[in-house]
Amino acid sequence: TPLLSPPSPPPPTTDLVNLSRTLPLSSAHYPKLQQSSPPHALTCAVIGMDDASTCLKIVYGLSGDPSGSLVLEALLEVCSSPVYRRAWEGMDGRVKEYASDPVANHALQAAMRHCRDEATAGEIVGQVAPLLRGLPPNRRGVAAAAASLAGRFEADCERVYNSLPGLFESLGLEVEEGGGCRVDVNAARTVRYVLEGFPEVWRKKAEEEIKKSLTPALATSIACTGLPSLLLLDPLLPTSSSFLLSLLLPNLPSTACHHVGWRSVVGVFGACDVKGKMAVAQGLAAEGRRMEGSNSGRKAWAACKVEEFMEGKAAFLAA
């Protein structure tokens, strides 16, 4: 229940955790925290943060409890910069413990997502980077948050990249029957943050590592699966559209008729030069009846129109 006047002095950390368990907090409630008075436990936590001696106990106590961790994540999202700084100081020096804990690692991820300044980002990355290679598969969300933080502030990107396990191997890609694939979502997010946020030298290294391992069958399965296509193919389009087109061409009509794959075909078409667009248009036209018989195929065919003149307008009109 929101309070009109906060209690004083702050209750012990155990009381904060017990109070937090009564709050039905989730990510959907975060906007409400910005529009109304903070809930009881959140108010108490903010008061406690004003006292440096209790800050460590409050952060440590909340982050290890499932409900308390949600309160701490909400606090990190909406608090002022001084309060955020005190919250980070509560984690400082215990990053390894936070990263390995099944609950507290989410609080550490929240701290990285909502970092406010370059200096703090450098401190966090400096402590998290040495842990990345040894993280188990179910803690790869920490690696994704670290890659995002390093890219946003360009904070020691070289160290983060070199500390990550093999980008392609960590994806755990498995082709499924029906044309789709399975992928480790947090590992795919890590790849996307590297491709979109890191300096050019590391982006190119990541691109080469991924391109070296992609095959036509694997690229087609990724293109026909929603989240992998968004996280893996879309970041490659600006610089590697011709390469992706060469992988998709053998199965272009079937990909264009897929309920997800047609979007990938349209994305590759839009990123290609005129010759690449012509190759897509010709590949679809060769299977015209198949395109017309599929709703997805019709959408792909309608979107893949070449509006440039290959040899000039005069030559086109003369022909």
C-alpha atoms as a PDB file:
ATOM      1  CA  THR A   1       0.000   0.000   0.000  1.00  0.00           C
ATOM      2  CA  PRO A   2       1.488   3.405  -0.915  1.00  0.00           C
ATOM      3  CA  LEU A   3       2.377   5.631   2.035  1.00  0.00           C
ATOM      4  CA  LEU A   4       1.723   9.365   2.250  1.00  0.00           C
ATOM      5  CA  SER A   5       4.618   9.794   4.672  1.00  0.00           C
ATOM      6  CA  PRO A   6       7.509   7.308   4.801  1.00  0.00           C
ATOM      7  CA  PRO A   7       8.234   5.526   8.088  1.00  0.00           C
ATOM      8  CA  SER A   8      11.287   6.400  10.118  1.00  0.00           C
ATOM      9  CA  PRO A   9      13.641   4.826  10.970  1.00  0.00           C
ATOM     10  CA  PRO A  10      13.891   2.175   8.241  1.00  0.00           C
ATOM     11  CA  PRO A  11      12.994  -1.378   9.245  1.00  0.00           C
ATOM     12  CA  PRO A  12      15.597  -4.163   9.246  1.00  0.00           C
ATOM     13  CA  THR A  13      16.433  -5.847   5.951  1.00  0.00           C
ATOM     14  CA  THR A  14      14.412  -8.938   6.878  1.00  0.00           C
ATOM     15  CA  ASP A  15      11.310  -6.768   7.241  1.00  0.00           C
ATOM     16  CA  LEU A  16      11.970  -5.306   3.786  1.00  0.00           C
ATOM     17  CA  VAL A  17      12.119  -8.776   2.292  1.00  0.00           C
ATOM     18  CA  ASN A  18       8.919  -9.829   4.055  1.00  0.00           C
ATOM     19  CA  LEU A  19       7.162  -6.689   2.858  1.00  0.00           C
ATOM     20  CA  SER A  20       8.387  -7.215  -0.698  1.00  0.00           C
ATOM     21  CA  ARG A  21       6.840 -10.682  -0.767  1.00  0.00           C
ATOM     22  CA  THR A  22       3.398  -9.124  -0.365  1.00  0.00           C
ATOM     23  CA  LEU A  23       3.837  -6.971  -3.494  1.00  0.00           C
ATOM     24  CA  PRO A  24       2.670  -8.470  -6.824  1.00  0.00           C
ATOM     25  CA  LEU A  25       5.569  -6.819  -8.641  1.00  0.00           C
ATOM     26  CA  SER A  26       6.611  -7.735 -12.156  1.00  0.00           C
ATOM     27  CA  SER A  27       8.010  -5.829 -15.126  1.00  0.00           C
ATOM     28  CA  ALA A  28       4.449  -4.792 -15.981  1.00  0.00           C
ATOM     29  CA  HIS A  29       4.257  -2.846 -12.699  1.00  0.00           C
ATOM     30  CA  TYR A  30       7.377  -0.751 -13.277  1.00  0.00           C
ATOM     31  CA  PRO A  31       5.584   2.102 -15.124  1.00  0.00           C
ATOM     32  CA  LYS A  32       3.150   2.358 -12.197  1.00  0.00           C
ATOM     33  CA  LEU A  33       6.057   2.989  -9.836  1.00  0.00           C
ATOM     34  CA  GLN A  34       6.946   6.071 -11.849  1.00  0.00           C
ATOM     35  CA  GLN A  35       3.377   7.402 -11.801  1.00  0.00           C
ATOM     36  CA  SER A  36       2.435   6.850  -8.146  1.00  0.00           C
ATOM     37  CA  SER A  37       3.893   6.795  -4.658  1.00  0.00           C
ATOM     38  CA  PRO A  38       6.376   3.932  -4.154  1.00  0.00           C
ATOM     39  CA  PRO A  39       5.090   0.784  -2.448  1.00  0.00           C
ATOM     40  CA  HIS A  40       5.933   0.304   1.210  1.00  0.00           C
ATOM     41  CA  ALA A  41       9.010  -1.898   0.757  1.00  0.00           C
ATOM     42  CA  LEU A  42      10.365   0.313  -2.013  1.00  0.00           C
ATOM     43  CA  THR A  43       9.924   3.415   0.160  1.00  0.00           C
ATOM     44  CA  CYS A  44      11.756   1.706   3.021  1.00  0.00           C
ATOM     45  CA  ALA A  45      14.566   0.666   0.689  1.00  0.00           C
ATOM     46  CA  VAL A  46      15.038   4.234  -0.550  1.00  0.00           C
ATOM     47  CA  ILE A  47      15.185   5.497   3.034  1.00  0.00           C
ATOM     48  CA  GLY A  48      17.708   2.832   3.910  1.00  0.00           C
ATOM     49  CA  MET A  49      19.849   3.811   0.935  1.00  0.00           C
ATOM     50  CA  ASP A  50      20.394   7.216   2.530  1.00  0.00           C
ATOM     51  CA  ASP A  51      22.424   5.514   5.219  1.00  0.00           C
ATOM     52  CA  ALA A  52      25.619   4.069   3.765  1.00  0.00           C
ATOM     53  CA  SER A  53      26.005   1.659   6.669  1.00  0.00           C
ATOM     54  CA  THR A  54      22.699  -0.095   5.891  1.00  0.00           C
ATOM     55  CA  CYS A  55      22.939   0.120   2.091  1.00  0.00           C
ATOM     56  CA  LEU A  56      24.955  -3.100   1.740  1.00  0.00           C
ATOM     57  CA  LYS A  57      22.542  -5.082   3.933  1.00  0.00           C
ATOM     58  CA  ILE A  58      19.471  -3.804   2.091  1.00  0.00           C
ATOM     59  CA  VAL A  59      20.800  -4.571  -1.397  1.00  0.00           C
ATOM     60  CA  TYR A  60      22.181  -7.943  -0.325  1.00  0.00           C
ATOM     61  CA  GLY A  61      18.985  -8.917   1.472  1.00  0.00           C
ATOM     62  CA  LEU A  62      16.612  -7.934  -1.318  1.00  0.00           C
ATOM     63  CA  SER A  63      18.644  -9.335  -4.217  1.00  0.00           C
ATOM     64  CA  GLY A  64      18.726 -12.870  -2.826  1.00  0.00           C
ATOM     65  CA  ASP A  65      14.951 -13.160  -2.419  1.00  0.00           C
ATOM     66  CA  PRO A  66      12.701 -13.714  -5.491  1.00  0.00           C
ATOM     67  CA  SER A  67      10.184 -11.019  -4.476  1.00  0.00           C
ATOM     68  CA  GLY A  68      12.814  -8.732  -2.992  1.00  0.00           C
ATOM     69  CA  SER A  69      14.846  -8.959  -6.188  1.00  0.00           C
ATOM     70  CA  LEU A  70      11.886  -7.608  -8.136  1.00  0.00           C
ATOM     71  CA  VAL A  71      11.651  -4.679  -5.736  1.00  0.00           C
ATOM     72  CA  LEU A  72      15.361  -3.984  -6.152  1.00  0.00           C
ATOM     73  CA  GLU A  73      15.077  -4.187  -9.954  1.00  0.00           C
ATOM     74  CA  ALA A  74      12.197  -1.694  -9.863  1.00  0.00           C
ATOM     75  CA  LEU A  75      14.217   0.581  -7.585  1.00  0.00           C
ATOM     76  CA  LEU A  76      17.202   0.508  -9.955  1.00  0.00           C
ATOM     77  CA  GLU A  77      14.947   1.432 -12.873  1.00  0.00           C
ATOM     78  CA  VAL A  78      13.206   4.466 -11.375  1.00  0.00           C
ATOM     79  CA  CYS A  79      15.593   5.771  -8.703  1.00  0.00           C
ATOM     80  CA  SER A  80      17.752   8.867  -8.897  1.00  0.00           C
ATOM     81  CA  SER A  81      21.418   8.641  -9.851  1.00  0.00           C
ATOM     82  CA  PRO A  82      22.691   9.000  -6.248  1.00  0.00           C
ATOM     83  CA  VAL A  83      20.421   6.173  -5.082  1.00  0.00           C
ATOM     84  CA  TYR A  84      21.527   4.029  -8.039  1.00  0.00           C
ATOM     85  CA  ARG A  85      25.143   4.684  -7.112  1.00  0.00           C
ATOM     86  CA  ARG A  86      24.553   3.557  -3.528  1.00  0.00           C
ATOM     87  CA  ALA A  87      22.784   0.440  -4.801  1.00  0.00           C
ATOM     88  CA  TRP A  88      25.769  -0.417  -6.976  1.00  0.00           C
ATOM     89  CA  GLU A  89      28.105   0.135  -4.038  1.00  0.00           C
ATOM     90  CA  GLY A  90      26.046  -2.526  -2.264  1.00  0.00           C
ATOM     91  CA  MET A  91      27.042  -4.997  -5.008  1.00  0.00           C
ATOM     92  CA  ASP A  92      30.590  -3.751  -5.527  1.00  0.00           C
ATOM     93  CA  GLY A  93      33.132  -6.424  -4.672  1.00  0.00           C
ATOM     94  CA  ARG A  94      30.565  -9.239  -4.644  1.00  0.00           C
ATOM     95  CA  VAL A  95      29.881  -9.468  -8.367  1.00  0.00           C
ATOM     96  CA  LYS A  96      31.001 -13.097  -8.615  1.00  0.00           C
ATOM     97  CA  GLU A  97      28.530 -14.073  -5.905  1.00  0.00           C
ATOM     98  CA  TYR A  98      25.731 -12.136  -7.587  1.00  0.00           C
ATOM     99  CA  ALA A  99      26.487 -13.563 -11.034  1.00  0.00           C
ATOM    100  CA  SER A 100      26.410 -17.163  -9.826  1.00  0.00           C
ATOM    101  CA  ASP A 101      23.253 -16.914  -7.716  1.00  0.00           C
ATOM    102  CA  PRO A 102      20.027 -18.088  -9.459  1.00  0.00           C
ATOM    103  CA  VAL A 103      18.078 -15.079  -8.108  1.00  0.00           C
ATOM    104  CA  ALA A 104      20.609 -12.330  -7.411  1.00  0.00           C
ATOM    105  CA  ASN A 105      22.013 -12.479 -10.961  1.00  0.00           C
ATOM    106  CA  HIS A 106      18.824 -10.736 -12.130  1.00  0.00           C
ATOM    107  CA  ALA A 107      19.560  -7.807  -9.791  1.00  0.00           C
ATOM    108  CA  LEU A 108      23.067  -7.608 -11.259  1.00  0.00           C
ATOM    109  CA  GLN A 109      21.586  -7.609 -14.765  1.00  0.00           C
ATOM    110  CA  ALA A 110      19.222  -4.804 -13.743  1.00  0.00           C
ATOM    111  CA  ALA A 111      22.172  -2.800 -12.413  1.00  0.00           C
ATOM    112  CA  MET A 112      23.887  -3.159 -15.800  1.00  0.00           C
ATOM    113  CA  ARG A 113      20.736  -2.325 -17.775  1.00  0.00           C
ATOM    114  CA  HIS A 114      20.087   0.877 -15.847  1.00  0.00           C
ATOM    115  CA  CYS A 115      23.666   2.125 -15.459  1.00  0.00           C
ATOM    116  CA  ARG A 116      23.771   5.934 -15.642  1.00  0.00           C
ATOM    117  CA  ASP A 117      27.349   6.981 -16.356  1.00  0.00           C
ATOM    118  CA  GLU A 118      30.543   5.870 -18.033  1.00  0.00           C
ATOM    119  CA  ALA A 119      32.608   5.689 -14.835  1.00  0.00           C
ATOM    120  CA  THR A 120      30.213   3.246 -13.149  1.00  0.00           C
ATOM    121  CA  ALA A 121      29.938   1.258 -16.387  1.00  0.00           C
ATOM    122  CA  GLY A 122      33.713   0.843 -16.399  1.00  0.00           C
ATOM    123  CA  GLU A 123      33.672  -0.390 -12.801  1.00  0.00           C
ATOM    124  CA  ILE A 124      30.929  -2.940 -13.494  1.00  0.00           C
ATOM    125  CA  VAL A 125      32.476  -4.219 -16.724  1.00  0.00           C
ATOM    126  CA  GLY A 126      35.868  -4.517 -15.034  1.00  0.00           C
ATOM    127  CA  GLN A 127      34.422  -6.896 -12.440  1.00  0.00           C
ATOM    128  CA  VAL A 128      32.020  -8.819 -14.696  1.00  0.00           C
ATOM    129  CA  ALA A 129      34.253  -9.425 -17.737  1.00  0.00           C
ATOM    130  CA  PRO A 130      36.613 -11.950 -16.064  1.00  0.00           C
ATOM    131  CA  LEU A 131      33.591 -14.088 -15.130  1.00  0.00           C
ATOM    132  CA  LEU A 132      31.978 -14.362 -18.561  1.00  0.00           C
ATOM    133  CA  ARG A 133      33.868 -17.345 -19.950  1.00  0.00           C
ATOM    134  CA  GLY A 134      33.074 -19.478 -16.903  1.00  0.00           C
ATOM    135  CA  LEU A 135      29.342 -18.744 -16.729  1.00  0.00           C
ATOM    136  CA  PRO A 136      27.052 -21.784 -17.056  1.00  0.00           C
ATOM    137  CA  PRO A 137      24.444 -21.738 -19.863  1.00  0.00           C
ATOM    138  CA  ASN A 138      21.644 -20.699 -17.481  1.00  0.00           C
ATOM    139  CA  ARG A 139      23.558 -17.523 -16.505  1.00  0.00           C
ATOM    140  CA  ARG A 140      24.152 -16.179 -20.016  1.00  0.00           C
ATOM    141  CA  GLY A 141      21.761 -13.324 -19.283  1.00  0.00           C
ATOM    142  CA  VAL A 142      24.647 -11.797 -17.330  1.00  0.00           C
ATOM    143  CA  ALA A 143      26.853 -11.983 -20.446  1.00  0.00           C
ATOM    144  CA  ALA A 144      24.119 -10.363 -22.564  1.00  0.00           C
ATOM    145  CA  ALA A 145      23.705  -7.516 -20.052  1.00  0.00           C
ATOM    146  CA  ALA A 146      27.483  -7.026 -19.897  1.00  0.00           C
ATOM    147  CA  ALA A 147      27.757  -6.863 -23.703  1.00  0.00           C
ATOM    148  CA  SER A 148      24.905  -4.350 -23.840  1.00  0.00           C
ATOM    149  CA  LEU A 149      26.521  -2.184 -21.148  1.00  0.00           C
ATOM    150  CA  ALA A 150      29.949  -2.295 -22.781  1.00  0.00           C
ATOM    151  CA  GLY A 151      28.458  -1.336 -26.151  1.00  0.00           C
ATOM    152  CA  ARG A 152      26.387   1.547 -24.782  1.00  0.00           C
ATOM    153  CA  PHE A 153      29.317   3.220 -23.036  1.00  0.00           C
ATOM    154  CA  GLU A 154      32.176   1.679 -25.086  1.00  0.00           C
ATOM    155  CA  ALA A 155      33.502   0.465 -21.762  1.00  0.00           C
ATOM    156  CA  ASP A 156      36.393  -1.981 -22.270  1.00  0.00           C
ATOM    157  CA  CYS A 157      34.737  -3.686 -25.260  1.00  0.00           C
ATOM    158  CA  GLU A 158      37.956  -5.507 -26.126  1.00  0.00           C
ATOM    159  CA  ARG A 159      38.098  -7.198 -22.747  1.00  0.00           C
ATOM    160  CA  VAL A 160      34.420  -8.179 -22.879  1.00  0.00           C
ATOM    161  CA  TYR A 161      34.741  -9.599 -26.402  1.00  0.00           C
ATOM    162  CA  ASN A 162      37.828 -11.621 -25.536  1.00  0.00           C
ATOM    163  CA  SER A 163      36.154 -12.909 -22.356  1.00  0.00           C
ATOM    164  CA  LEU A 164      33.059 -14.180 -24.148  1.00  0.00           C
ATOM    165  CA  PRO A 165      32.974 -17.866 -25.133  1.00  0.00           C
ATOM    166  CA  GLY A 166      32.786 -18.635 -28.854  1.00  0.00           C
ATOM    167  CA  LEU A 167      29.889 -16.534 -30.128  1.00  0.00           C
ATOM    168  CA  PHE A 168      28.554 -19.076 -32.610  1.00  0.00           C
ATOM    169  CA  GLU A 169      29.128 -22.133 -30.427  1.00  0.00           C
ATOM    170  CA  SER A 170      27.341 -20.516 -27.491  1.00  0.00           C
ATOM    171  CA  LEU A 171      24.165 -20.137 -29.565  1.00  0.00           C
ATOM    172  CA  GLY A 172      23.455 -23.854 -29.371  1.00  0.00           C
ATOM    173  CA  LEU A 173      21.636 -23.804 -32.723  1.00  0.00           C
ATOM    174  CA  GLU A 174      19.542 -26.874 -33.478  1.00  0.00           C
ATOM    175  CA  VAL A 175      17.578 -27.252 -36.721  1.00  0.00           C
ATOM    176  CA  GLU A 176      14.043 -28.541 -36.125  1.00  0.00           C
ATOM    177  CA  GLU A 177      11.653 -30.376 -38.378  1.00  0.00           C
ATOM    178  CA  GLY A 178       9.410 -27.962 -40.227  1.00  0.00           C
ATOM    179  CA  GLY A 179      12.106 -25.431 -41.038  1.00  0.00           C
ATOM    180  CA  GLY A 180      12.694 -23.674 -37.715  1.00  0.00           C
ATOM    181  CA  CYS A 181      15.528 -23.807 -35.208  1.00  0.00           C
ATOM    182  CA  ARG A 182      16.250 -23.609 -31.505  1.00  0.00           C
ATOM    183  CA  VAL A 183      18.698 -21.115 -30.080  1.00  0.00           C
ATOM    184  CA  ASP A 184      19.935 -19.919 -26.694  1.00  0.00           C
ATOM    185  CA  VAL A 185      18.111 -16.576 -26.497  1.00  0.00           C
ATOM    186  CA  ASN A 186      20.559 -14.879 -24.138  1.00  0.00           C
ATOM    187  CA  ALA A 187      23.516 -15.970 -26.268  1.00  0.00           C
ATOM    188  CA  ALA A 188      21.715 -14.595 -29.347  1.00  0.00           C
ATOM    189  CA  ARG A 189      21.110 -11.308 -27.532  1.00  0.00           C
ATOM    190  CA  THR A 190      24.812 -11.152 -26.711  1.00  0.00           C
ATOM    191  CA  VAL A 191      25.657 -11.573 -30.399  1.00  0.00           C
ATOM    192  CA  ARG A 192      23.225  -8.815 -31.336  1.00  0.00           C
ATOM    193  CA  TYR A 193      24.664  -6.371 -28.778  1.00  0.00           C
ATOM    194  CA  VAL A 194      28.170  -7.044 -30.107  1.00  0.00           C
ATOM    195  CA  LEU A 195      27.110  -6.588 -33.740  1.00  0.00           C
ATOM    196  CA  GLU A 196      25.140  -3.400 -33.082  1.00  0.00           C
ATOM    197  CA  GLY A 197      26.986  -1.645 -30.256  1.00  0.00           C
ATOM    198  CA  PHE A 198      30.678  -2.573 -30.267  1.00  0.00           C
ATOM    199  CA  PRO A 199      33.380  -0.615 -32.134  1.00  0.00           C
ATOM    200  CA  GLU A 200      33.895  -1.596 -35.770  1.00  0.00           C
ATOM    201  CA  VAL A 201      36.962  -3.758 -35.223  1.00  0.00           C
ATOM    202  CA  TRP A 202      35.060  -6.090 -32.866  1.00  0.00           C
ATOM    203  CA  ARG A 203      31.911  -6.050 -34.982  1.00  0.00           C
ATOM    204  CA  LYS A 204      33.919  -7.266 -37.956  1.00  0.00           C
ATOM    205  CA  LYS A 205      35.510 -10.045 -35.922  1.00  0.00           C
ATOM    206  CA  ALA A 206      32.103 -11.173 -34.710  1.00  0.00           C
ATOM    207  CA  GLU A 207      30.696 -11.076 -38.255  1.00  0.00           C
ATOM    208  CA  GLU A 208      33.536 -13.171 -39.611  1.00  0.00           C
ATOM    209  CA  GLU A 209      33.146 -15.722 -36.822  1.00  0.00           C
ATOM    210  CA  ILE A 210      29.415 -16.110 -37.503  1.00  0.00           C
ATOM    211  CA  LYS A 211      29.665 -16.062 -41.307  1.00  0.00           C
ATOM    212  CA  LYS A 212      32.348 -18.750 -41.206  1.00  0.00           C
ATOM    213  CA  SER A 213      29.925 -21.154 -39.497  1.00  0.00           C
ATOM    214  CA  LEU A 214      26.694 -20.412 -41.382  1.00  0.00           C
ATOM    215  CA  THR A 215      25.485 -22.822 -44.064  1.00  0.00           C
ATOM    216  CA  PRO A 216      22.524 -22.440 -46.470  1.00  0.00           C
ATOM    217  CA  ALA A 217      20.423 -24.914 -44.474  1.00  0.00           C
ATOM    218  CA  LEU A 218      21.224 -23.237 -41.150  1.00  0.00           C
ATOM    219  CA  ALA A 219      20.654 -19.726 -42.513  1.00  0.00           C
ATOM    220  CA  THR A 220      17.279 -20.815 -43.914  1.00  0.00           C
ATOM    221  CA  SER A 221      16.209 -22.317 -40.582  1.00  0.00           C
ATOM    222  CA  ILE A 222      17.220 -19.101 -38.764  1.00  0.00           C
ATOM    223  CA  ALA A 223      15.331 -17.001 -41.317  1.00  0.00           C
ATOM    224  CA  CYS A 224      12.187 -19.072 -40.680  1.00  0.00           C
ATOM    225  CA  THR A 225      12.266 -18.620 -36.882  1.00  0.00           C
ATOM    226  CA  GLY A 226      11.079 -15.363 -35.367  1.00  0.00           C
ATOM    227  CA  LEU A 227      13.490 -14.517 -32.553  1.00  0.00           C
ATOM    228  CA  PRO A 228      16.694 -15.912 -34.122  1.00  0.00           C
ATOM    229  CA  SER A 229      16.013 -13.972 -37.331  1.00  0.00           C
ATOM    230  CA  LEU A 230      15.582 -10.743 -35.341  1.00  0.00           C
ATOM    231  CA  LEU A 231      18.645 -11.282 -33.156  1.00  0.00           C
ATOM    232  CA  LEU A 232      21.075 -12.873 -35.642  1.00  0.00           C
ATOM    233  CA  LEU A 233      20.137 -12.034 -39.233  1.00  0.00           C
ATOM    234  CA  ASP A 234      18.854  -8.469 -38.890  1.00  0.00           C
ATOM    235  CA  PRO A 235      22.108  -7.113 -37.349  1.00  0.00           C
ATOM    236  CA  LEU A 236      24.047  -8.625 -40.286  1.00  0.00           C
ATOM    237  CA  LEU A 237      21.893  -7.006 -43.001  1.00  0.00           C
ATOM    238  CA  PRO A 238      23.608  -3.587 -43.197  1.00  0.00           C
ATOM    239  CA  THR A 239      27.055  -5.056 -43.942  1.00  0.00           C
ATOM    240  CA  SER A 240      26.506  -8.668 -45.094  1.00  0.00           C
ATOM    241  CA  SER A 241      23.323  -8.622 -47.181  1.00  0.00           C
ATOM    242  CA  SER A 242      25.006 -10.135 -50.258  1.00  0.00           C
ATOM    243  CA  PHE A 243      26.436 -12.974 -48.172  1.00  0.00           C
ATOM    244  CA  LEU A 244      23.034 -13.709 -46.617  1.00  0.00           C
ATOM    245  CA  LEU A 245      21.390 -13.637 -50.032  1.00  0.00           C
ATOM    246  CA  SER A 246      23.853 -16.212 -51.352  1.00  0.00           C
ATOM    247  CA  LEU A 247      22.875 -18.515 -48.462  1.00  0.00           C
ATOM    248  CA  LEU A 248      19.121 -18.023 -48.892  1.00  0.00           C
ATOM    249  CA  LEU A 249      18.954 -18.237 -52.716  1.00  0.00           C
ATOM    250  CA  PRO A 250      18.865 -22.085 -52.921  1.00  0.00           C
ATOM    251  CA  ASN A 251      15.702 -22.145 -50.767  1.00  0.00           C
ATOM    252  CA  LEU A 252      14.366 -18.686 -51.569  1.00  0.00           C
ATOM    253  CA  PRO A 253      10.823 -19.600 -52.753  1.00  0.00           C
ATOM    254  CA  SER A 254      10.132 -21.923 -49.821  1.00  0.00           C
ATOM    255  CA  THR A 255      11.503 -19.328 -47.379  1.00  0.00           C
ATOM    256  CA  ALA A 256       9.333 -16.607 -48.938  1.00  0.00           C
ATOM    257  CA  CYS A 257       6.228 -18.799 -48.515  1.00  0.00           C
ATOM    258  CA  HIS A 258       6.965 -19.436 -44.838  1.00  0.00           C
ATOM    259  CA  HIS A 259       4.876 -17.459 -42.332  1.00  0.00           C
ATOM    260  CA  VAL A 260       8.075 -16.086 -40.730  1.00  0.00           C
ATOM    261  CA  GLY A 261      10.617 -16.533 -43.515  1.00  0.00           C
ATOM    262  CA  TRP A 262       8.913 -14.079 -45.895  1.00  0.00           C
ATOM    263  CA  ARG A 263       9.878 -11.241 -43.548  1.00  0.00           C
ATOM    264  CA  SER A 264      13.541 -12.300 -43.704  1.00  0.00           C
ATOM    265  CA  VAL A 265      13.403 -12.401 -47.522  1.00  0.00           C
ATOM    266  CA  VAL A 266      11.960  -8.879 -47.611  1.00  0.00           C
ATOM    267  CA  GLY A 267      14.658  -7.683 -45.187  1.00  0.00           C
ATOM    268  CA  VAL A 268      17.467  -9.121 -47.313  1.00  0.00           C
ATOM    269  CA  PHE A 269      15.862  -7.643 -50.439  1.00  0.00           C
ATOM    270  CA  GLY A 270      15.719  -4.179 -48.883  1.00  0.00           C
ATOM    271  CA  ALA A 271      19.383  -4.286 -47.815  1.00  0.00           C
ATOM    272  CA  CYS A 272      20.784  -5.496 -51.173  1.00  0.00           C
ATOM    273  CA  ASP A 273      21.998  -3.415 -54.086  1.00  0.00           C
ATOM    274  CA  VAL A 274      20.153  -3.414 -57.428  1.00  0.00           C
ATOM    275  CA  LYS A 275      21.752  -6.656 -58.647  1.00  0.00           C
ATOM    276  CA  GLY A 276      20.884  -8.402 -55.417  1.00  0.00           C
ATOM    277  CA  LYS A 277      17.305  -7.165 -55.618  1.00  0.00           C
ATOM    278  CA  MET A 278      17.074  -8.443 -59.176  1.00  0.00           C
ATOM    279  CA  ALA A 279      18.299 -11.860 -58.036  1.00  0.00           C
ATOM    280  CA  VAL A 280      15.570 -11.983 -55.358  1.00  0.00           C
ATOM    281  CA  ALA A 281      12.852 -10.824 -57.771  1.00  0.00           C
ATOM    282  CA  GLN A 282      13.906 -13.357 -60.411  1.00  0.00           C
ATOM    283  CA  GLY A 283      14.081 -16.166 -57.851  1.00  0.00           C
ATOM    284  CA  LEU A 284      10.529 -15.443 -56.708  1.00  0.00           C
ATOM    285  CA  ALA A 285       9.208 -14.962 -60.242  1.00  0.00           C
ATOM    286  CA  ALA A 286      10.531 -18.382 -61.216  1.00  0.00           C
ATOM    287  CA  GLU A 287       8.038 -19.861 -58.748  1.00  0.00           C
ATOM    288  CA  GLY A 288       5.181 -17.495 -59.524  1.00  0.00           C
ATOM    289  CA  ARG A 289       2.355 -19.976 -59.022  1.00  0.00           C
ATOM    290  CA  ARG A 290       3.795 -21.093 -55.727  1.00  0.00           C
ATOM    291  CA  MET A 291       4.019 -17.474 -54.590  1.00  0.00           C
ATOM    292  CA  GLU A 292       0.415 -16.787 -55.594  1.00  0.00           C
ATOM    293  CA  GLY A 293      -0.829 -19.838 -53.704  1.00  0.00           C
ATOM    294  CA  SER A 294       0.563 -18.675 -50.361  1.00  0.00           C
ATOM    295  CA  ASN A 295      -0.447 -15.651 -48.313  1.00  0.00           C
ATOM    296  CA  SER A 296       3.142 -15.162 -47.137  1.00  0.00           C
ATOM    297  CA  GLY A 297       4.423 -15.669 -50.683  1.00  0.00           C
ATOM    298  CA  ARG A 298       2.078 -12.990 -52.008  1.00  0.00           C
ATOM    299  CA  LYS A 299       3.266 -10.536 -49.343  1.00  0.00           C
ATOM    300  CA  ALA A 300       6.912 -11.255 -50.137  1.00  0.00           C
ATOM    301  CA  TRP A 301       6.342 -10.962 -53.905  1.00  0.00           C
ATOM    302  CA  ALA A 302       4.484  -7.660 -53.509  1.00  0.00           C
ATOM    303  CA  ALA A 303       7.271  -6.209 -51.346  1.00  0.00           C
ATOM    304  CA  CYS A 304      10.163  -7.345 -53.574  1.00  0.00           C
ATOM    305  CA  LYS A 305       9.713  -4.933 -56.465  1.00  0.00           C
ATOM    306  CA  VAL A 306      12.742  -3.583 -58.300  1.00  0.00           C
ATOM    307  CA  GLU A 307      12.042   0.065 -59.026  1.00  0.00           C
ATOM    308  CA  GLU A 308      15.450   0.966 -60.462  1.00  0.00           C
ATOM    309  CA  PHE A 309      16.301   0.775 -64.175  1.00  0.00           C
ATOM    310  CA  MET A 310      19.133  -1.653 -64.775  1.00  0.00           C
ATOM    311  CA  GLU A 311      20.307   0.046 -67.991  1.00  0.00           C
ATOM    312  CA  GLY A 312      18.613   3.422 -67.756  1.00  0.00           C
ATOM    313  CA  LYS A 313      15.085   4.586 -68.400  1.00  0.00           C
ATOM    314  CA  ALA A 314      15.635   5.274 -72.124  1.00  0.00           C
ATOM    315  CA  ALA A 315      16.805   1.709 -72.802  1.00  0.00           C
ATOM    316  CA  PHE A 316      13.817   0.339 -70.907  1.00  0.00           C
ATOM    317  CA  LEU A 317      11.322   2.441 -72.882  1.00  0.00           C
ATOM    318  CA  ALA A 318      13.001   1.566 -76.176  1.00  0.00           C
ATOM    319  CA  ALA A 319      12.707  -2.137 -75.386  1.00  0.00           C
END
